[in-house]
Amino acid sequence: MRTVRIIPLLVAIAVVILSIDGSTSAQVRRKNPLGLGQRGINRPPLGVPQPGPNRPRNPNVLKKQQLQRQVMQAIGLTPAQRTRILEIHRTHDDDVISAGRRVRLARQALDRAIMSENYNEGEVRRATEALAAAQADKIRVDSTVRSQVRGVLTPDQVQRFHQLQREMRRDMKEEQRREQEKETGPLGLRKTPAFEEIDLADFLLSIR
């Protein structure tokens, strides 16, 4: 069965993504342990390579895109369905961008209130409530988009998606068990951290 054959590749890609995430975070912390040198909210610290016309693409992004393609293939997403999903995203692009901007501005306002030389608890409370409202609005926008993307899938594709997710979780647990035995042996007491869950729904619903 094609879905079964594709599982080991999906697991391998997922493990690479998690390892890259962890190593990248560690490198950034070592280079900039206090988070100094950042150039604004949601901007990478100085010294972290950024995308550009002459720079190689982030391997983490490439692996995630590969995993997304494999998920689409495994559930049998058709070209017409992918086109419809892209249309849904384009229709809501302005709303998504606007909601994200409101969250960023509200977070900046809260940071300014907290770090003000003249600390005012009332200002901090109002800024906190404004950020919570902006985040709630963004969640509603994201939920609307994802619900519409979900509506493009057939019941059979949804069933295949859940089967794929179950098999991937099972195989990642098995991979963790093998890695643990390599370090300690079958009876070793040392325990390696559990694999982080890969959110396949995020890969599927965020197809661009």
N, C-alpha and C. Protein backbone atom coordinates (compact mmCIF):
# COMPACT_ATOMS: atom_id res chain seq x y z
N MET A 1 0.85 -1.20 0.00
CA MET A 1 0.00 0.00 0.00
C MET A 1 0.89 1.25 0.00
N ARG A 2 0.59 2.23 -0.87
CA ARG A 2 1.46 3.37 -1.04
C ARG A 2 1.64 4.15 0.25
N THR A 3 0.56 4.30 1.03
CA THR A 3 0.64 5.06 2.28
C THR A 3 1.64 4.43 3.23
N VAL A 4 1.64 3.09 3.31
CA VAL A 4 2.55 2.39 4.21
C VAL A 4 3.99 2.58 3.75
N ARG A 5 4.24 2.51 2.43
CA ARG A 5 5.60 2.65 1.93
C ARG A 5 6.16 4.05 2.16
N ILE A 6 5.31 5.02 2.20
CA ILE A 6 5.77 6.42 2.32
C ILE A 6 6.07 6.80 3.76
N ILE A 7 5.60 6.02 4.73
CA ILE A 7 5.78 6.35 6.14
C ILE A 7 7.24 6.49 6.55
N PRO A 8 8.13 5.52 6.21
CA PRO A 8 9.53 5.68 6.64
C PRO A 8 10.15 6.98 6.15
N LEU A 9 9.85 7.41 4.93
CA LEU A 9 10.38 8.66 4.41
C LEU A 9 9.85 9.85 5.21
N LEU A 10 8.56 9.82 5.52
CA LEU A 10 7.97 10.89 6.31
C LEU A 10 8.62 10.98 7.67
N VAL A 11 8.84 9.83 8.30
CA VAL A 11 9.47 9.81 9.63
C VAL A 11 10.88 10.37 9.55
N ALA A 12 11.63 9.96 8.51
CA ALA A 12 13.00 10.46 8.35
C ALA A 12 13.02 11.97 8.20
N ILE A 13 12.12 12.50 7.37
CA ILE A 13 12.05 13.95 7.17
C ILE A 13 11.68 14.64 8.48
N ALA A 14 10.70 14.07 9.19
CA ALA A 14 10.25 14.67 10.44
C ALA A 14 11.37 14.72 11.47
N VAL A 15 12.14 13.64 11.58
CA VAL A 15 13.25 13.60 12.54
C VAL A 15 14.29 14.64 12.18
N VAL A 16 14.58 14.79 10.87
CA VAL A 16 15.55 15.80 10.44
C VAL A 16 15.07 17.20 10.80
N ILE A 17 13.76 17.46 10.57
CA ILE A 17 13.21 18.78 10.90
C ILE A 17 13.39 19.08 12.38
N LEU A 18 13.07 18.10 13.23
CA LEU A 18 13.19 18.31 14.67
C LEU A 18 14.63 18.53 15.08
N SER A 19 15.55 17.77 14.47
CA SER A 19 16.97 17.92 14.83
C SER A 19 17.50 19.26 14.38
N ILE A 20 17.07 19.73 13.20
CA ILE A 20 17.51 21.04 12.72
C ILE A 20 16.95 22.13 13.61
N ASP A 21 15.66 22.01 13.99
CA ASP A 21 15.06 23.00 14.89
C ASP A 21 15.86 23.11 16.17
N GLY A 22 16.20 21.96 16.76
CA GLY A 22 16.91 21.97 18.02
C GLY A 22 18.31 22.53 17.90
N SER A 23 19.04 22.11 16.86
CA SER A 23 20.42 22.57 16.71
C SER A 23 20.46 24.05 16.37
N THR A 24 19.53 24.53 15.55
CA THR A 24 19.49 25.95 15.20
C THR A 24 19.22 26.80 16.42
N SER A 25 18.26 26.38 17.25
CA SER A 25 17.94 27.13 18.47
C SER A 25 19.15 27.19 19.39
N ALA A 26 19.84 26.05 19.51
CA ALA A 26 21.01 26.01 20.39
C ALA A 26 22.10 26.93 19.89
N GLN A 27 22.32 26.95 18.56
CA GLN A 27 23.35 27.81 18.00
C GLN A 27 23.03 29.28 18.25
N VAL A 28 21.77 29.66 18.06
CA VAL A 28 21.37 31.04 18.29
C VAL A 28 21.57 31.42 19.74
N ARG A 29 21.21 30.49 20.66
CA ARG A 29 21.38 30.79 22.08
C ARG A 29 22.85 30.96 22.43
N ARG A 30 23.72 30.11 21.84
CA ARG A 30 25.14 30.23 22.15
C ARG A 30 25.71 31.54 21.62
N LYS A 31 25.28 31.93 20.41
CA LYS A 31 25.79 33.17 19.82
C LYS A 31 25.23 34.39 20.53
N ASN A 32 24.01 34.27 21.04
CA ASN A 32 23.33 35.45 21.56
C ASN A 32 22.49 35.04 22.77
N PRO A 33 23.13 34.62 23.88
CA PRO A 33 22.40 34.05 25.01
C PRO A 33 21.39 34.97 25.64
N LEU A 34 21.58 36.28 25.52
CA LEU A 34 20.64 37.21 26.14
C LEU A 34 19.65 37.78 25.14
N GLY A 35 19.71 37.29 23.90
CA GLY A 35 18.77 37.79 22.90
C GLY A 35 19.11 39.19 22.43
N LEU A 36 20.37 39.65 22.66
CA LEU A 36 20.75 41.00 22.26
C LEU A 36 20.99 41.06 20.76
N GLY A 37 20.83 42.25 20.22
CA GLY A 37 21.11 42.45 18.81
C GLY A 37 19.92 42.16 17.92
N GLN A 38 18.74 41.90 18.48
CA GLN A 38 17.58 41.67 17.66
C GLN A 38 17.12 42.98 17.04
N ARG A 39 16.56 42.86 15.83
CA ARG A 39 16.21 44.06 15.08
C ARG A 39 14.71 44.22 14.98
N GLY A 40 14.01 43.90 16.03
CA GLY A 40 12.56 44.10 16.01
C GLY A 40 11.84 42.79 16.26
N ILE A 41 10.54 42.90 16.49
CA ILE A 41 9.73 41.73 16.77
C ILE A 41 9.70 40.82 15.55
N ASN A 42 9.83 39.49 15.81
CA ASN A 42 9.77 38.47 14.76
C ASN A 42 10.87 38.64 13.70
N ARG A 43 11.96 39.34 14.05
CA ARG A 43 13.10 39.44 13.15
C ARG A 43 14.22 38.60 13.72
N PRO A 44 14.99 37.90 12.87
CA PRO A 44 16.07 37.05 13.40
C PRO A 44 17.19 37.89 13.97
N PRO A 45 17.94 37.33 14.97
CA PRO A 45 19.06 38.07 15.55
C PRO A 45 20.13 38.32 14.50
N LEU A 46 20.97 39.31 14.76
CA LEU A 46 22.09 39.57 13.87
C LEU A 46 22.99 38.35 13.82
N GLY A 47 23.52 38.08 12.65
CA GLY A 47 24.42 36.93 12.51
C GLY A 47 23.72 35.69 12.02
N VAL A 48 22.36 35.65 12.06
CA VAL A 48 21.63 34.50 11.56
C VAL A 48 21.35 34.73 10.08
N PRO A 49 21.79 33.81 9.18
CA PRO A 49 21.60 34.01 7.74
C PRO A 49 20.13 34.20 7.40
N GLN A 50 19.86 35.15 6.52
CA GLN A 50 18.50 35.41 6.09
C GLN A 50 18.36 35.09 4.61
N PRO A 51 17.14 34.78 4.15
CA PRO A 51 16.95 34.43 2.76
C PRO A 51 17.33 35.59 1.85
N GLY A 52 17.87 35.26 0.70
CA GLY A 52 18.24 36.28 -0.28
C GLY A 52 18.46 35.62 -1.61
N PRO A 53 18.56 36.40 -2.66
CA PRO A 53 18.67 35.82 -3.99
C PRO A 53 19.90 34.97 -4.18
N ASN A 54 20.99 35.25 -3.44
CA ASN A 54 22.24 34.52 -3.62
C ASN A 54 22.56 33.61 -2.45
N ARG A 55 21.59 33.42 -1.55
CA ARG A 55 21.83 32.57 -0.39
C ARG A 55 21.04 31.27 -0.54
N PRO A 56 21.62 30.13 -0.09
CA PRO A 56 20.87 28.87 -0.13
C PRO A 56 19.68 28.94 0.80
N ARG A 57 18.62 28.24 0.44
CA ARG A 57 17.41 28.28 1.25
C ARG A 57 17.61 27.50 2.53
N ASN A 58 16.88 27.89 3.56
CA ASN A 58 16.96 27.23 4.86
C ASN A 58 16.64 25.75 4.70
N PRO A 59 17.56 24.85 5.10
CA PRO A 59 17.29 23.41 4.94
C PRO A 59 16.06 22.97 5.72
N ASN A 60 15.79 23.66 6.84
CA ASN A 60 14.60 23.33 7.61
C ASN A 60 13.33 23.58 6.79
N VAL A 61 13.30 24.74 6.11
CA VAL A 61 12.15 25.07 5.27
C VAL A 61 12.00 24.05 4.14
N LEU A 62 13.12 23.68 3.53
CA LEU A 62 13.07 22.71 2.43
C LEU A 62 12.55 21.36 2.91
N LYS A 63 12.98 20.95 4.09
CA LYS A 63 12.51 19.66 4.62
C LYS A 63 11.02 19.71 4.93
N LYS A 64 10.56 20.86 5.46
CA LYS A 64 9.14 20.99 5.75
C LYS A 64 8.32 20.97 4.47
N GLN A 65 8.83 21.59 3.43
CA GLN A 65 8.13 21.58 2.15
C GLN A 65 8.08 20.17 1.58
N GLN A 66 9.17 19.42 1.76
CA GLN A 66 9.20 18.05 1.29
C GLN A 66 8.18 17.20 2.04
N LEU A 67 8.12 17.39 3.36
CA LEU A 67 7.15 16.66 4.16
C LEU A 67 5.74 17.01 3.72
N GLN A 68 5.50 18.30 3.45
CA GLN A 68 4.18 18.71 3.00
C GLN A 68 3.80 18.03 1.69
N ARG A 69 4.74 17.97 0.75
CA ARG A 69 4.46 17.29 -0.52
C ARG A 69 4.16 15.82 -0.32
N GLN A 70 4.89 15.19 0.61
CA GLN A 70 4.66 13.77 0.86
C GLN A 70 3.29 13.52 1.49
N VAL A 71 2.88 14.43 2.38
CA VAL A 71 1.55 14.30 2.98
C VAL A 71 0.47 14.45 1.92
N MET A 72 0.63 15.43 1.03
CA MET A 72 -0.33 15.63 -0.06
C MET A 72 -0.42 14.40 -0.94
N GLN A 73 0.74 13.80 -1.22
CA GLN A 73 0.76 12.59 -2.05
C GLN A 73 0.10 11.43 -1.33
N ALA A 74 0.39 11.30 -0.04
CA ALA A 74 -0.13 10.16 0.72
C ALA A 74 -1.65 10.17 0.83
N ILE A 75 -2.25 11.35 0.93
CA ILE A 75 -3.72 11.40 1.06
C ILE A 75 -4.40 11.53 -0.30
N GLY A 76 -3.60 11.68 -1.37
CA GLY A 76 -4.18 11.75 -2.70
C GLY A 76 -4.80 13.08 -3.05
N LEU A 77 -4.16 14.19 -2.63
CA LEU A 77 -4.67 15.51 -2.96
C LEU A 77 -4.52 15.75 -4.46
N THR A 78 -5.59 16.13 -5.13
CA THR A 78 -5.56 16.33 -6.58
C THR A 78 -5.09 17.75 -6.93
N PRO A 79 -4.61 17.95 -8.16
CA PRO A 79 -4.21 19.31 -8.58
C PRO A 79 -5.36 20.31 -8.44
N ALA A 80 -6.59 19.88 -8.74
CA ALA A 80 -7.74 20.79 -8.61
C ALA A 80 -7.96 21.18 -7.15
N GLN A 81 -7.78 20.24 -6.24
CA GLN A 81 -7.93 20.56 -4.82
C GLN A 81 -6.83 21.52 -4.35
N ARG A 82 -5.62 21.29 -4.80
CA ARG A 82 -4.53 22.19 -4.41
C ARG A 82 -4.79 23.60 -4.94
N THR A 83 -5.29 23.69 -6.17
CA THR A 83 -5.61 25.00 -6.72
C THR A 83 -6.67 25.69 -5.89
N ARG A 84 -7.68 24.93 -5.47
CA ARG A 84 -8.74 25.50 -4.64
C ARG A 84 -8.19 25.97 -3.29
N ILE A 85 -7.28 25.20 -2.71
CA ILE A 85 -6.68 25.59 -1.43
C ILE A 85 -5.88 26.88 -1.59
N LEU A 86 -5.13 27.00 -2.69
CA LEU A 86 -4.37 28.22 -2.94
C LEU A 86 -5.30 29.42 -3.10
N GLU A 87 -6.45 29.22 -3.74
CA GLU A 87 -7.43 30.29 -3.90
C GLU A 87 -7.97 30.74 -2.55
N ILE A 88 -8.21 29.78 -1.65
CA ILE A 88 -8.70 30.12 -0.31
C ILE A 88 -7.68 30.99 0.42
N HIS A 89 -6.40 30.59 0.35
CA HIS A 89 -5.36 31.38 1.02
C HIS A 89 -5.26 32.78 0.42
N ARG A 90 -5.31 32.87 -0.90
CA ARG A 90 -5.20 34.19 -1.54
C ARG A 90 -6.37 35.09 -1.14
N THR A 91 -7.57 34.49 -1.05
CA THR A 91 -8.75 35.27 -0.68
C THR A 91 -8.61 35.90 0.70
N HIS A 92 -7.94 35.19 1.61
CA HIS A 92 -7.84 35.65 3.00
C HIS A 92 -6.48 36.27 3.33
N ASP A 93 -5.61 36.42 2.32
CA ASP A 93 -4.26 36.92 2.60
C ASP A 93 -4.27 38.26 3.34
N ASP A 94 -5.10 39.19 2.88
CA ASP A 94 -5.13 40.52 3.51
C ASP A 94 -5.56 40.43 4.97
N ASP A 95 -6.58 39.59 5.24
CA ASP A 95 -7.04 39.44 6.62
C ASP A 95 -5.97 38.81 7.51
N VAL A 96 -5.28 37.80 6.97
CA VAL A 96 -4.23 37.13 7.74
C VAL A 96 -3.09 38.10 8.05
N ILE A 97 -2.66 38.86 7.03
CA ILE A 97 -1.57 39.82 7.23
C ILE A 97 -1.97 40.89 8.24
N SER A 98 -3.20 41.40 8.10
CA SER A 98 -3.69 42.44 9.00
C SER A 98 -3.75 41.94 10.44
N ALA A 99 -4.25 40.70 10.62
CA ALA A 99 -4.36 40.14 11.97
C ALA A 99 -2.98 39.94 12.57
N GLY A 100 -2.03 39.48 11.78
CA GLY A 100 -0.66 39.30 12.28
C GLY A 100 -0.03 40.62 12.66
N ARG A 101 -0.29 41.66 11.86
CA ARG A 101 0.26 42.98 12.17
C ARG A 101 -0.31 43.51 13.49
N ARG A 102 -1.62 43.30 13.71
CA ARG A 102 -2.22 43.78 14.96
C ARG A 102 -1.60 43.08 16.17
N VAL A 103 -1.32 41.80 16.03
CA VAL A 103 -0.69 41.07 17.13
C VAL A 103 0.70 41.63 17.40
N ARG A 104 1.47 41.86 16.35
CA ARG A 104 2.83 42.38 16.54
C ARG A 104 2.82 43.75 17.20
N LEU A 105 1.94 44.64 16.72
CA LEU A 105 1.87 45.98 17.30
C LEU A 105 1.40 45.94 18.75
N ALA A 106 0.43 45.07 19.03
CA ALA A 106 -0.06 44.96 20.41
C ALA A 106 1.02 44.41 21.33
N ARG A 107 1.81 43.47 20.83
CA ARG A 107 2.89 42.93 21.65
C ARG A 107 3.96 43.99 21.91
N GLN A 108 4.27 44.77 20.89
CA GLN A 108 5.23 45.85 21.08
C GLN A 108 4.73 46.87 22.10
N ALA A 109 3.43 47.19 22.02
CA ALA A 109 2.86 48.14 22.97
C ALA A 109 2.93 47.61 24.40
N LEU A 110 2.69 46.31 24.55
CA LEU A 110 2.77 45.70 25.89
C LEU A 110 4.21 45.74 26.40
N ASP A 111 5.17 45.43 25.52
CA ASP A 111 6.58 45.47 25.93
C ASP A 111 6.97 46.88 26.38
N ARG A 112 6.50 47.89 25.62
CA ARG A 112 6.83 49.26 25.99
C ARG A 112 6.23 49.63 27.35
N ALA A 113 4.98 49.18 27.58
CA ALA A 113 4.32 49.49 28.86
C ALA A 113 5.05 48.83 30.02
N ILE A 114 5.48 47.58 29.80
CA ILE A 114 6.17 46.86 30.88
C ILE A 114 7.53 47.48 31.17
N MET A 115 8.24 47.88 30.13
CA MET A 115 9.60 48.39 30.31
C MET A 115 9.65 49.91 30.47
N SER A 116 8.50 50.56 30.58
CA SER A 116 8.48 52.02 30.73
C SER A 116 9.20 52.43 32.01
N GLU A 117 9.91 53.55 31.93
CA GLU A 117 10.57 54.06 33.13
C GLU A 117 9.55 54.43 34.20
N ASN A 118 8.39 54.88 33.75
CA ASN A 118 7.30 55.19 34.69
C ASN A 118 6.25 54.08 34.61
N TYR A 119 6.55 53.00 35.28
CA TYR A 119 5.69 51.81 35.20
C TYR A 119 4.28 52.15 35.69
N ASN A 120 3.28 51.77 34.87
CA ASN A 120 1.89 52.03 35.21
C ASN A 120 1.10 50.73 35.05
N GLU A 121 0.63 50.21 36.18
CA GLU A 121 -0.06 48.91 36.14
C GLU A 121 -1.31 48.96 35.27
N GLY A 122 -2.03 50.08 35.28
CA GLY A 122 -3.22 50.20 34.45
C GLY A 122 -2.89 50.12 32.96
N GLU A 123 -1.79 50.78 32.55
CA GLU A 123 -1.37 50.73 31.15
C GLU A 123 -0.98 49.31 30.75
N VAL A 124 -0.29 48.63 31.64
CA VAL A 124 0.11 47.24 31.35
C VAL A 124 -1.13 46.36 31.20
N ARG A 125 -2.12 46.56 32.07
CA ARG A 125 -3.34 45.76 31.99
C ARG A 125 -4.08 46.02 30.68
N ARG A 126 -4.18 47.29 30.29
CA ARG A 126 -4.87 47.62 29.04
C ARG A 126 -4.12 47.05 27.83
N ALA A 127 -2.79 47.14 27.87
CA ALA A 127 -2.00 46.60 26.76
C ALA A 127 -2.11 45.08 26.70
N THR A 128 -2.20 44.46 27.88
CA THR A 128 -2.37 43.00 27.93
C THR A 128 -3.70 42.59 27.31
N GLU A 129 -4.75 43.32 27.66
CA GLU A 129 -6.08 43.02 27.11
C GLU A 129 -6.11 43.25 25.60
N ALA A 130 -5.42 44.29 25.13
CA ALA A 130 -5.38 44.57 23.70
C ALA A 130 -4.65 43.45 22.96
N LEU A 131 -3.56 42.94 23.54
CA LEU A 131 -2.84 41.84 22.92
C LEU A 131 -3.69 40.58 22.88
N ALA A 132 -4.38 40.30 23.98
CA ALA A 132 -5.25 39.12 24.02
C ALA A 132 -6.35 39.21 22.96
N ALA A 133 -6.93 40.40 22.79
CA ALA A 133 -7.97 40.59 21.78
C ALA A 133 -7.41 40.41 20.38
N ALA A 134 -6.20 40.93 20.13
CA ALA A 134 -5.57 40.79 18.82
C ALA A 134 -5.25 39.33 18.52
N GLN A 135 -4.77 38.61 19.53
CA GLN A 135 -4.47 37.19 19.34
C GLN A 135 -5.74 36.39 19.07
N ALA A 136 -6.82 36.73 19.79
CA ALA A 136 -8.09 36.04 19.57
C ALA A 136 -8.61 36.28 18.16
N ASP A 137 -8.44 37.51 17.68
CA ASP A 137 -8.87 37.83 16.32
C ASP A 137 -8.05 37.05 15.30
N LYS A 138 -6.75 36.94 15.53
CA LYS A 138 -5.90 36.18 14.62
C LYS A 138 -6.29 34.70 14.62
N ILE A 139 -6.61 34.17 15.79
CA ILE A 139 -7.04 32.78 15.87
C ILE A 139 -8.31 32.56 15.07
N ARG A 140 -9.26 33.52 15.16
CA ARG A 140 -10.51 33.40 14.40
C ARG A 140 -10.25 33.42 12.90
N VAL A 141 -9.35 34.31 12.47
CA VAL A 141 -9.03 34.39 11.03
C VAL A 141 -8.38 33.08 10.57
N ASP A 142 -7.39 32.62 11.33
CA ASP A 142 -6.70 31.39 10.97
C ASP A 142 -7.66 30.20 10.94
N SER A 143 -8.57 30.16 11.91
CA SER A 143 -9.53 29.07 11.98
C SER A 143 -10.47 29.08 10.77
N THR A 144 -10.88 30.27 10.34
CA THR A 144 -11.74 30.38 9.16
C THR A 144 -11.05 29.82 7.93
N VAL A 145 -9.78 30.21 7.74
CA VAL A 145 -9.03 29.74 6.58
C VAL A 145 -8.86 28.22 6.63
N ARG A 146 -8.45 27.72 7.78
CA ARG A 146 -8.21 26.28 7.91
C ARG A 146 -9.49 25.46 7.76
N SER A 147 -10.59 25.99 8.25
CA SER A 147 -11.86 25.28 8.10
C SER A 147 -12.25 25.17 6.64
N GLN A 148 -12.00 26.24 5.88
CA GLN A 148 -12.32 26.21 4.46
C GLN A 148 -11.39 25.23 3.71
N VAL A 149 -10.12 25.20 4.10
CA VAL A 149 -9.20 24.23 3.50
C VAL A 149 -9.65 22.81 3.83
N ARG A 150 -10.05 22.60 5.08
CA ARG A 150 -10.55 21.27 5.49
C ARG A 150 -11.75 20.86 4.65
N GLY A 151 -12.59 21.82 4.26
CA GLY A 151 -13.77 21.51 3.47
C GLY A 151 -13.46 21.04 2.06
N VAL A 152 -12.22 21.28 1.60
CA VAL A 152 -11.83 20.84 0.25
C VAL A 152 -11.57 19.33 0.24
N LEU A 153 -11.22 18.76 1.37
CA LEU A 153 -10.87 17.34 1.44
C LEU A 153 -12.11 16.46 1.41
N THR A 154 -11.96 15.28 0.82
CA THR A 154 -13.04 14.30 0.82
C THR A 154 -12.98 13.49 2.12
N PRO A 155 -14.09 12.83 2.50
CA PRO A 155 -14.05 11.97 3.71
C PRO A 155 -12.96 10.91 3.63
N ASP A 156 -12.73 10.35 2.44
CA ASP A 156 -11.69 9.34 2.29
C ASP A 156 -10.31 9.92 2.54
N GLN A 157 -10.08 11.14 2.08
CA GLN A 157 -8.79 11.78 2.30
C GLN A 157 -8.56 12.10 3.78
N VAL A 158 -9.62 12.50 4.47
CA VAL A 158 -9.51 12.76 5.90
C VAL A 158 -9.16 11.46 6.63
N GLN A 159 -9.78 10.36 6.21
CA GLN A 159 -9.50 9.07 6.82
C GLN A 159 -8.04 8.66 6.57
N ARG A 160 -7.57 8.88 5.34
CA ARG A 160 -6.17 8.56 5.03
C ARG A 160 -5.22 9.42 5.85
N PHE A 161 -5.60 10.68 6.05
CA PHE A 161 -4.75 11.59 6.84
C PHE A 161 -4.59 11.04 8.26
N HIS A 162 -5.69 10.63 8.88
CA HIS A 162 -5.62 10.14 10.26
C HIS A 162 -4.83 8.82 10.33
N GLN A 163 -4.97 7.98 9.31
CA GLN A 163 -4.18 6.75 9.27
C GLN A 163 -2.69 7.08 9.18
N LEU A 164 -2.36 8.04 8.32
CA LEU A 164 -0.98 8.46 8.16
C LEU A 164 -0.43 9.00 9.46
N GLN A 165 -1.21 9.81 10.17
CA GLN A 165 -0.77 10.38 11.44
C GLN A 165 -0.52 9.30 12.48
N ARG A 166 -1.42 8.33 12.56
CA ARG A 166 -1.25 7.23 13.53
C ARG A 166 0.02 6.44 13.23
N GLU A 167 0.24 6.11 11.94
CA GLU A 167 1.41 5.32 11.57
C GLU A 167 2.71 6.09 11.80
N MET A 168 2.66 7.40 11.55
CA MET A 168 3.86 8.20 11.77
C MET A 168 4.22 8.28 13.24
N ARG A 169 3.20 8.47 14.09
CA ARG A 169 3.47 8.51 15.53
C ARG A 169 4.04 7.19 16.01
N ARG A 170 3.48 6.09 15.51
CA ARG A 170 3.97 4.77 15.90
C ARG A 170 5.42 4.57 15.48
N ASP A 171 5.75 4.96 14.25
CA ASP A 171 7.10 4.75 13.74
C ASP A 171 8.10 5.68 14.42
N MET A 172 7.67 6.89 14.80
CA MET A 172 8.57 7.79 15.50
C MET A 172 8.87 7.28 16.91
N LYS A 173 7.88 6.65 17.55
CA LYS A 173 8.13 6.05 18.86
C LYS A 173 9.11 4.89 18.74
N GLU A 174 8.96 4.12 17.66
CA GLU A 174 9.87 3.00 17.43
C GLU A 174 11.28 3.52 17.16
N GLU A 175 11.38 4.61 16.40
CA GLU A 175 12.69 5.22 16.14
C GLU A 175 13.32 5.71 17.45
N GLN A 176 12.50 6.28 18.32
CA GLN A 176 13.02 6.73 19.61
C GLN A 176 13.54 5.55 20.43
N ARG A 177 12.79 4.43 20.41
CA ARG A 177 13.21 3.25 21.17
C ARG A 177 14.55 2.73 20.67
N ARG A 178 14.72 2.69 19.34
CA ARG A 178 15.98 2.21 18.77
C ARG A 178 17.15 3.13 19.14
N GLU A 179 16.90 4.45 19.09
CA GLU A 179 17.95 5.39 19.44
C GLU A 179 18.35 5.25 20.91
N GLN A 180 17.36 5.00 21.76
CA GLN A 180 17.65 4.84 23.19
C GLN A 180 18.47 3.59 23.43
N GLU A 181 18.15 2.51 22.72
CA GLU A 181 18.90 1.27 22.91
C GLU A 181 20.33 1.40 22.41
N LYS A 182 20.56 2.23 21.39
CA LYS A 182 21.92 2.46 20.91
C LYS A 182 22.77 3.10 21.99
N GLU A 183 22.17 3.99 22.79
CA GLU A 183 22.91 4.73 23.81
C GLU A 183 23.09 3.93 25.09
N THR A 184 22.10 3.13 25.44
CA THR A 184 22.14 2.49 26.76
C THR A 184 22.05 0.98 26.72
N GLY A 185 21.65 0.40 25.60
CA GLY A 185 21.38 -1.03 25.55
C GLY A 185 19.94 -1.28 25.97
N PRO A 186 19.41 -2.47 25.70
CA PRO A 186 18.01 -2.77 25.97
C PRO A 186 17.60 -2.55 27.42
N LEU A 187 18.56 -2.74 28.37
CA LEU A 187 18.21 -2.63 29.79
C LEU A 187 18.75 -1.33 30.40
N GLY A 188 19.24 -0.42 29.58
CA GLY A 188 19.81 0.82 30.11
C GLY A 188 18.78 1.66 30.82
N LEU A 189 19.26 2.43 31.79
CA LEU A 189 18.35 3.26 32.57
C LEU A 189 18.22 4.67 32.01
N ARG A 190 19.20 5.09 31.21
CA ARG A 190 19.15 6.45 30.68
C ARG A 190 18.00 6.58 29.69
N LYS A 191 17.29 7.65 29.78
CA LYS A 191 16.13 7.85 28.92
C LYS A 191 16.32 9.09 28.05
N THR A 192 16.15 8.92 26.75
CA THR A 192 16.27 10.06 25.84
C THR A 192 14.94 10.80 25.78
N PRO A 193 14.97 12.09 25.50
CA PRO A 193 13.71 12.85 25.42
C PRO A 193 12.80 12.30 24.34
N ALA A 194 11.51 12.34 24.58
CA ALA A 194 10.54 11.87 23.59
C ALA A 194 10.56 12.78 22.37
N PHE A 195 10.30 12.18 21.20
CA PHE A 195 10.22 12.98 19.99
C PHE A 195 9.08 13.98 20.10
N GLU A 196 9.36 15.16 19.65
CA GLU A 196 8.32 16.17 19.61
C GLU A 196 7.27 15.75 18.58
N GLU A 197 6.02 16.04 18.86
CA GLU A 197 4.96 15.69 17.92
C GLU A 197 5.08 16.54 16.65
N ILE A 198 4.98 15.89 15.50
CA ILE A 198 4.92 16.61 14.23
C ILE A 198 3.45 16.88 13.94
N ASP A 199 3.13 18.14 13.74
CA ASP A 199 1.73 18.54 13.50
C ASP A 199 1.43 18.41 12.01
N LEU A 200 0.99 17.22 11.59
CA LEU A 200 0.69 16.99 10.18
C LEU A 200 -0.46 17.88 9.72
N ALA A 201 -1.40 18.18 10.60
CA ALA A 201 -2.52 19.05 10.22
C ALA A 201 -2.00 20.41 9.80
N ASP A 202 -0.97 20.90 10.49
CA ASP A 202 -0.41 22.20 10.14
C ASP A 202 0.21 22.16 8.74
N PHE A 203 0.91 21.06 8.43
CA PHE A 203 1.51 20.93 7.10
C PHE A 203 0.42 20.87 6.02
N LEU A 204 -0.68 20.22 6.34
CA LEU A 204 -1.73 20.05 5.34
C LEU A 204 -2.56 21.32 5.16
N LEU A 205 -2.96 21.94 6.28
CA LEU A 205 -3.87 23.08 6.20
C LEU A 205 -3.17 24.37 5.79
N SER A 206 -1.82 24.37 5.84
CA SER A 206 -1.10 25.58 5.45
C SER A 206 -0.47 25.48 4.07
N ILE A 207 -0.98 24.58 3.25
CA ILE A 207 -0.45 24.40 1.88
C ILE A 207 -0.54 25.73 1.14
N ARG A 208 0.60 26.13 0.57
CA ARG A 208 0.63 27.36 -0.24
C ARG A 208 1.20 27.06 -1.60
